[in-house]
Amino acid sequence: MIDPSFFESSIFPILLLIVVAVIVFKIYKGVMDWRRNNKQPILTVNSKVISLRTKKTRSVHNLRDNNPVPTDYYATFVIDPSKNVEFQITGKEFNQLAEGDVGKLTFQGTRYHSFERL
């Protein structure tokens, strides 16, 4: 028979290993995305803003302490009749864009650079 204290003493190292593995994977994925983007050419194309959205990240800590809820901002552009691309943008850029704006979109892979209205 297995002693129940075996599971109690083994669970912490297992959970710690899982947390460390997730962190290492996230860092690895971020570095690979960064490298992939750096290998792409910087493109400037005619485009139109077709959608703007926000994503709020809520946590127990934010709700408990009345801290502001962090917000991510996204813009979707159509760059030719059959291709839409979405980029995460800053709040400042989000507030300056409107759906239907037409202009020059500059990006590199999945990395947004700028949008200049025509």
N, C-alpha and C. Protein backbone atom coordinates (compact mmCIF):
# COMPACT_ATOMS: atom_id res chain seq x y z
N MET A 1 0.85 -1.18 0.00
CA MET A 1 0.00 0.00 0.00
C MET A 1 0.90 1.24 0.00
N ILE A 2 0.48 2.27 -0.74
CA ILE A 2 1.26 3.51 -0.83
C ILE A 2 0.84 4.43 0.31
N ASP A 3 1.83 4.98 0.97
CA ASP A 3 1.60 5.92 2.07
C ASP A 3 1.01 7.22 1.53
N PRO A 4 -0.12 7.73 2.08
CA PRO A 4 -0.74 8.97 1.59
C PRO A 4 0.19 10.18 1.67
N SER A 5 1.13 10.20 2.59
CA SER A 5 2.05 11.33 2.69
C SER A 5 2.99 11.40 1.47
N PHE A 6 3.13 10.28 0.75
CA PHE A 6 3.94 10.27 -0.45
C PHE A 6 3.38 11.27 -1.47
N PHE A 7 2.05 11.27 -1.64
CA PHE A 7 1.43 12.18 -2.61
C PHE A 7 1.54 13.63 -2.15
N GLU A 8 1.37 13.86 -0.87
CA GLU A 8 1.47 15.22 -0.34
C GLU A 8 2.89 15.76 -0.52
N SER A 9 3.89 14.95 -0.32
CA SER A 9 5.26 15.43 -0.45
C SER A 9 5.69 15.51 -1.92
N SER A 10 5.02 14.78 -2.81
CA SER A 10 5.40 14.76 -4.21
C SER A 10 4.67 15.82 -5.03
N ILE A 11 3.55 16.30 -4.58
CA ILE A 11 2.74 17.21 -5.38
C ILE A 11 3.41 18.56 -5.59
N PHE A 12 4.08 19.10 -4.59
CA PHE A 12 4.72 20.40 -4.74
C PHE A 12 5.79 20.40 -5.81
N PRO A 13 6.73 19.47 -5.80
CA PRO A 13 7.74 19.47 -6.88
C PRO A 13 7.13 19.28 -8.27
N ILE A 14 6.08 18.49 -8.37
CA ILE A 14 5.42 18.28 -9.66
C ILE A 14 4.78 19.57 -10.14
N LEU A 15 4.05 20.26 -9.26
CA LEU A 15 3.42 21.53 -9.63
C LEU A 15 4.47 22.57 -9.98
N LEU A 16 5.54 22.62 -9.22
CA LEU A 16 6.62 23.56 -9.51
C LEU A 16 7.23 23.28 -10.88
N LEU A 17 7.43 22.02 -11.20
CA LEU A 17 7.97 21.63 -12.50
C LEU A 17 7.03 22.05 -13.63
N ILE A 18 5.74 21.88 -13.44
CA ILE A 18 4.76 22.28 -14.45
C ILE A 18 4.79 23.80 -14.65
N VAL A 19 4.81 24.56 -13.57
CA VAL A 19 4.86 26.03 -13.67
C VAL A 19 6.12 26.47 -14.39
N VAL A 20 7.25 25.92 -14.03
CA VAL A 20 8.52 26.28 -14.68
C VAL A 20 8.47 25.91 -16.16
N ALA A 21 7.92 24.75 -16.49
CA ALA A 21 7.83 24.32 -17.89
C ALA A 21 6.96 25.28 -18.70
N VAL A 22 5.84 25.72 -18.13
CA VAL A 22 4.96 26.67 -18.83
C VAL A 22 5.68 27.99 -19.06
N ILE A 23 6.40 28.48 -18.05
CA ILE A 23 7.14 29.74 -18.18
C ILE A 23 8.22 29.62 -19.25
N VAL A 24 8.97 28.53 -19.23
CA VAL A 24 10.02 28.32 -20.23
C VAL A 24 9.41 28.24 -21.62
N PHE A 25 8.30 27.56 -21.76
CA PHE A 25 7.63 27.45 -23.07
C PHE A 25 7.18 28.82 -23.57
N LYS A 26 6.58 29.64 -22.70
CA LYS A 26 6.13 30.99 -23.09
C LYS A 26 7.32 31.84 -23.54
N ILE A 27 8.43 31.78 -22.81
CA ILE A 27 9.62 32.54 -23.19
C ILE A 27 10.14 32.04 -24.55
N TYR A 28 10.23 30.75 -24.72
CA TYR A 28 10.70 30.17 -25.98
C TYR A 28 9.81 30.60 -27.14
N LYS A 29 8.50 30.53 -26.96
CA LYS A 29 7.57 30.93 -28.02
C LYS A 29 7.73 32.41 -28.35
N GLY A 30 7.89 33.25 -27.34
CA GLY A 30 8.08 34.68 -27.56
C GLY A 30 9.35 34.97 -28.35
N VAL A 31 10.43 34.30 -27.99
CA VAL A 31 11.70 34.50 -28.70
C VAL A 31 11.58 34.02 -30.14
N MET A 32 10.93 32.88 -30.36
CA MET A 32 10.78 32.36 -31.72
C MET A 32 9.91 33.29 -32.57
N ASP A 33 8.83 33.82 -32.01
CA ASP A 33 7.99 34.79 -32.73
C ASP A 33 8.79 36.04 -33.07
N TRP A 34 9.58 36.52 -32.13
CA TRP A 34 10.40 37.72 -32.34
C TRP A 34 11.40 37.47 -33.47
N ARG A 35 12.07 36.33 -33.46
CA ARG A 35 13.04 35.99 -34.51
C ARG A 35 12.37 35.86 -35.86
N ARG A 36 11.20 35.20 -35.90
CA ARG A 36 10.46 35.02 -37.15
C ARG A 36 10.06 36.38 -37.73
N ASN A 37 9.58 37.29 -36.88
CA ASN A 37 9.21 38.62 -37.34
C ASN A 37 10.41 39.38 -37.87
N ASN A 38 11.56 39.27 -37.20
CA ASN A 38 12.75 39.98 -37.65
C ASN A 38 13.23 39.52 -39.01
N LYS A 39 12.93 38.29 -39.39
CA LYS A 39 13.33 37.77 -40.70
C LYS A 39 12.39 38.22 -41.82
N GLN A 40 11.22 38.73 -41.47
CA GLN A 40 10.24 39.17 -42.46
C GLN A 40 10.56 40.57 -42.95
N PRO A 41 10.19 40.89 -44.21
CA PRO A 41 10.39 42.25 -44.69
C PRO A 41 9.36 43.19 -44.05
N ILE A 42 9.73 44.46 -43.94
CA ILE A 42 8.78 45.47 -43.47
C ILE A 42 7.95 45.87 -44.68
N LEU A 43 6.64 45.67 -44.60
CA LEU A 43 5.74 45.96 -45.71
C LEU A 43 4.87 47.17 -45.40
N THR A 44 4.62 47.97 -46.41
CA THR A 44 3.66 49.06 -46.31
C THR A 44 2.65 48.84 -47.43
N VAL A 45 1.39 48.66 -47.05
CA VAL A 45 0.34 48.32 -48.02
C VAL A 45 -0.88 49.20 -47.79
N ASN A 46 -1.68 49.36 -48.85
CA ASN A 46 -2.96 50.04 -48.70
C ASN A 46 -3.87 49.12 -47.89
N SER A 47 -4.62 49.71 -46.97
CA SER A 47 -5.50 48.90 -46.14
C SER A 47 -6.66 49.73 -45.63
N LYS A 48 -7.59 49.02 -45.00
CA LYS A 48 -8.77 49.65 -44.41
C LYS A 48 -9.00 49.02 -43.05
N VAL A 49 -9.30 49.85 -42.05
CA VAL A 49 -9.62 49.34 -40.72
C VAL A 49 -11.04 48.78 -40.78
N ILE A 50 -11.19 47.50 -40.47
CA ILE A 50 -12.53 46.91 -40.53
C ILE A 50 -13.09 46.56 -39.16
N SER A 51 -12.22 46.53 -38.14
CA SER A 51 -12.70 46.18 -36.82
C SER A 51 -11.72 46.65 -35.75
N LEU A 52 -12.28 47.12 -34.65
CA LEU A 52 -11.50 47.47 -33.47
C LEU A 52 -12.10 46.73 -32.29
N ARG A 53 -11.27 46.18 -31.43
CA ARG A 53 -11.78 45.48 -30.25
C ARG A 53 -10.82 45.62 -29.09
N THR A 54 -11.34 45.39 -27.91
CA THR A 54 -10.53 45.39 -26.70
C THR A 54 -10.69 44.06 -25.99
N LYS A 55 -9.71 43.74 -25.18
CA LYS A 55 -9.77 42.53 -24.35
C LYS A 55 -9.29 42.92 -22.96
N LYS A 56 -10.15 42.76 -21.98
CA LYS A 56 -9.80 43.09 -20.61
C LYS A 56 -9.33 41.82 -19.90
N THR A 57 -8.28 41.98 -19.12
CA THR A 57 -7.72 40.87 -18.37
C THR A 57 -8.11 41.05 -16.91
N ARG A 58 -9.06 40.29 -16.46
CA ARG A 58 -9.52 40.40 -15.08
C ARG A 58 -8.82 39.34 -14.23
N SER A 59 -8.58 39.71 -13.00
CA SER A 59 -8.03 38.74 -12.06
C SER A 59 -8.64 39.02 -10.69
N VAL A 60 -8.51 38.07 -9.81
CA VAL A 60 -9.03 38.25 -8.46
C VAL A 60 -8.33 39.44 -7.81
N HIS A 61 -7.04 39.61 -8.07
CA HIS A 61 -6.28 40.71 -7.49
C HIS A 61 -6.85 42.05 -7.94
N ASN A 62 -7.17 42.20 -9.25
CA ASN A 62 -7.74 43.45 -9.75
C ASN A 62 -9.08 43.76 -9.10
N LEU A 63 -9.92 42.75 -8.98
CA LEU A 63 -11.25 42.96 -8.44
C LEU A 63 -11.20 43.27 -6.95
N ARG A 64 -10.33 42.59 -6.23
CA ARG A 64 -10.26 42.74 -4.79
C ARG A 64 -9.73 44.12 -4.39
N ASP A 65 -8.72 44.60 -5.11
CA ASP A 65 -8.06 45.84 -4.71
C ASP A 65 -8.54 47.07 -5.49
N ASN A 66 -9.60 46.94 -6.29
CA ASN A 66 -10.11 48.04 -7.11
C ASN A 66 -9.05 48.62 -8.03
N ASN A 67 -8.12 47.80 -8.47
CA ASN A 67 -7.12 48.23 -9.43
C ASN A 67 -7.75 48.32 -10.81
N PRO A 68 -7.23 49.19 -11.68
CA PRO A 68 -7.75 49.22 -13.04
C PRO A 68 -7.51 47.88 -13.73
N VAL A 69 -8.43 47.51 -14.57
CA VAL A 69 -8.31 46.24 -15.29
C VAL A 69 -7.44 46.47 -16.52
N PRO A 70 -6.34 45.72 -16.68
CA PRO A 70 -5.50 45.88 -17.87
C PRO A 70 -6.29 45.59 -19.13
N THR A 71 -6.06 46.38 -20.17
CA THR A 71 -6.78 46.25 -21.42
C THR A 71 -5.80 46.10 -22.57
N ASP A 72 -6.06 45.12 -23.44
CA ASP A 72 -5.31 44.95 -24.68
C ASP A 72 -6.18 45.49 -25.81
N TYR A 73 -5.54 46.14 -26.78
CA TYR A 73 -6.25 46.76 -27.89
C TYR A 73 -5.85 46.08 -29.19
N TYR A 74 -6.84 45.84 -30.06
CA TYR A 74 -6.61 45.15 -31.32
C TYR A 74 -7.30 45.89 -32.46
N ALA A 75 -6.66 45.87 -33.64
CA ALA A 75 -7.25 46.43 -34.85
C ALA A 75 -7.13 45.38 -35.96
N THR A 76 -8.20 45.23 -36.72
CA THR A 76 -8.20 44.32 -37.86
C THR A 76 -8.24 45.15 -39.13
N PHE A 77 -7.35 44.81 -40.05
CA PHE A 77 -7.24 45.53 -41.32
C PHE A 77 -7.50 44.56 -42.46
N VAL A 78 -8.09 45.05 -43.54
CA VAL A 78 -8.19 44.26 -44.77
C VAL A 78 -7.10 44.81 -45.68
N ILE A 79 -6.21 43.91 -46.16
CA ILE A 79 -5.09 44.38 -46.98
C ILE A 79 -5.24 43.99 -48.44
N ASP A 80 -6.14 43.11 -48.74
CA ASP A 80 -6.60 42.87 -50.11
C ASP A 80 -7.96 42.22 -49.96
N PRO A 81 -8.70 42.09 -51.03
CA PRO A 81 -10.09 41.61 -50.88
C PRO A 81 -10.25 40.30 -50.12
N SER A 82 -9.20 39.50 -50.06
CA SER A 82 -9.36 38.19 -49.42
C SER A 82 -8.52 38.00 -48.17
N LYS A 83 -7.81 39.05 -47.70
CA LYS A 83 -6.93 38.84 -46.56
C LYS A 83 -7.14 39.91 -45.49
N ASN A 84 -7.47 39.44 -44.29
CA ASN A 84 -7.58 40.31 -43.11
C ASN A 84 -6.43 39.97 -42.17
N VAL A 85 -5.90 41.00 -41.51
CA VAL A 85 -4.86 40.78 -40.51
C VAL A 85 -5.22 41.56 -39.26
N GLU A 86 -4.94 40.97 -38.11
CA GLU A 86 -5.22 41.63 -36.83
C GLU A 86 -3.91 41.83 -36.09
N PHE A 87 -3.77 43.03 -35.50
CA PHE A 87 -2.57 43.35 -34.73
C PHE A 87 -2.96 43.90 -33.38
N GLN A 88 -2.14 43.61 -32.39
CA GLN A 88 -2.29 44.27 -31.10
C GLN A 88 -1.65 45.65 -31.24
N ILE A 89 -2.35 46.68 -30.77
CA ILE A 89 -1.87 48.06 -30.88
C ILE A 89 -1.94 48.73 -29.52
N THR A 90 -1.38 49.94 -29.43
CA THR A 90 -1.42 50.67 -28.17
C THR A 90 -2.78 51.32 -27.98
N GLY A 91 -3.09 51.69 -26.76
CA GLY A 91 -4.33 52.39 -26.47
C GLY A 91 -4.40 53.73 -27.19
N LYS A 92 -3.27 54.41 -27.31
CA LYS A 92 -3.23 55.70 -28.01
C LYS A 92 -3.61 55.52 -29.47
N GLU A 93 -3.01 54.51 -30.13
CA GLU A 93 -3.34 54.26 -31.53
C GLU A 93 -4.79 53.82 -31.67
N PHE A 94 -5.27 53.02 -30.74
CA PHE A 94 -6.66 52.55 -30.76
C PHE A 94 -7.62 53.74 -30.76
N ASN A 95 -7.33 54.72 -29.92
CA ASN A 95 -8.21 55.89 -29.82
C ASN A 95 -8.14 56.79 -31.04
N GLN A 96 -7.10 56.67 -31.85
CA GLN A 96 -6.97 57.50 -33.05
C GLN A 96 -7.56 56.85 -34.30
N LEU A 97 -7.89 55.56 -34.20
CA LEU A 97 -8.44 54.84 -35.35
C LEU A 97 -9.96 54.76 -35.26
N ALA A 98 -10.57 54.63 -36.42
CA ALA A 98 -12.01 54.39 -36.50
C ALA A 98 -12.26 53.35 -37.58
N GLU A 99 -13.29 52.55 -37.38
CA GLU A 99 -13.63 51.56 -38.40
C GLU A 99 -13.96 52.31 -39.69
N GLY A 100 -13.42 51.82 -40.79
CA GLY A 100 -13.63 52.46 -42.08
C GLY A 100 -12.47 53.34 -42.52
N ASP A 101 -11.52 53.64 -41.60
CA ASP A 101 -10.35 54.44 -41.99
C ASP A 101 -9.57 53.71 -43.08
N VAL A 102 -9.12 54.48 -44.07
CA VAL A 102 -8.33 53.94 -45.17
C VAL A 102 -6.95 54.60 -45.11
N GLY A 103 -5.91 53.79 -45.33
CA GLY A 103 -4.57 54.36 -45.29
C GLY A 103 -3.50 53.35 -45.60
N LYS A 104 -2.29 53.67 -45.17
CA LYS A 104 -1.12 52.82 -45.38
C LYS A 104 -0.77 52.11 -44.07
N LEU A 105 -0.80 50.80 -44.12
CA LEU A 105 -0.46 49.96 -42.97
C LEU A 105 0.97 49.48 -43.13
N THR A 106 1.78 49.67 -42.10
CA THR A 106 3.15 49.17 -42.12
C THR A 106 3.28 48.10 -41.04
N PHE A 107 3.78 46.92 -41.44
CA PHE A 107 3.92 45.80 -40.50
C PHE A 107 5.08 44.91 -40.92
N GLN A 108 5.48 44.07 -40.01
CA GLN A 108 6.58 43.12 -40.25
C GLN A 108 6.18 41.79 -39.65
N GLY A 109 5.78 40.86 -40.48
CA GLY A 109 5.30 39.57 -39.97
C GLY A 109 4.02 39.79 -39.18
N THR A 110 4.05 39.44 -37.90
CA THR A 110 2.89 39.66 -37.03
C THR A 110 3.07 40.91 -36.16
N ARG A 111 4.08 41.70 -36.46
CA ARG A 111 4.40 42.89 -35.67
C ARG A 111 3.85 44.14 -36.36
N TYR A 112 2.98 44.86 -35.68
CA TYR A 112 2.41 46.11 -36.18
C TYR A 112 3.43 47.23 -36.02
N HIS A 113 3.57 48.07 -37.05
CA HIS A 113 4.44 49.24 -36.96
C HIS A 113 3.63 50.53 -36.91
N SER A 114 2.77 50.75 -37.92
CA SER A 114 2.01 52.01 -37.94
C SER A 114 0.89 51.95 -38.95
N PHE A 115 0.00 52.93 -38.84
CA PHE A 115 -1.07 53.12 -39.82
C PHE A 115 -1.17 54.62 -40.06
N GLU A 116 -1.08 55.00 -41.34
CA GLU A 116 -1.16 56.42 -41.72
C GLU A 116 -2.37 56.62 -42.61
N ARG A 117 -3.30 57.42 -42.15
CA ARG A 117 -4.51 57.68 -42.93
C ARG A 117 -4.17 58.41 -44.23
N LEU A 118 -4.95 58.12 -45.26
CA LEU A 118 -4.79 58.82 -46.54
C LEU A 118 -5.74 60.00 -46.59
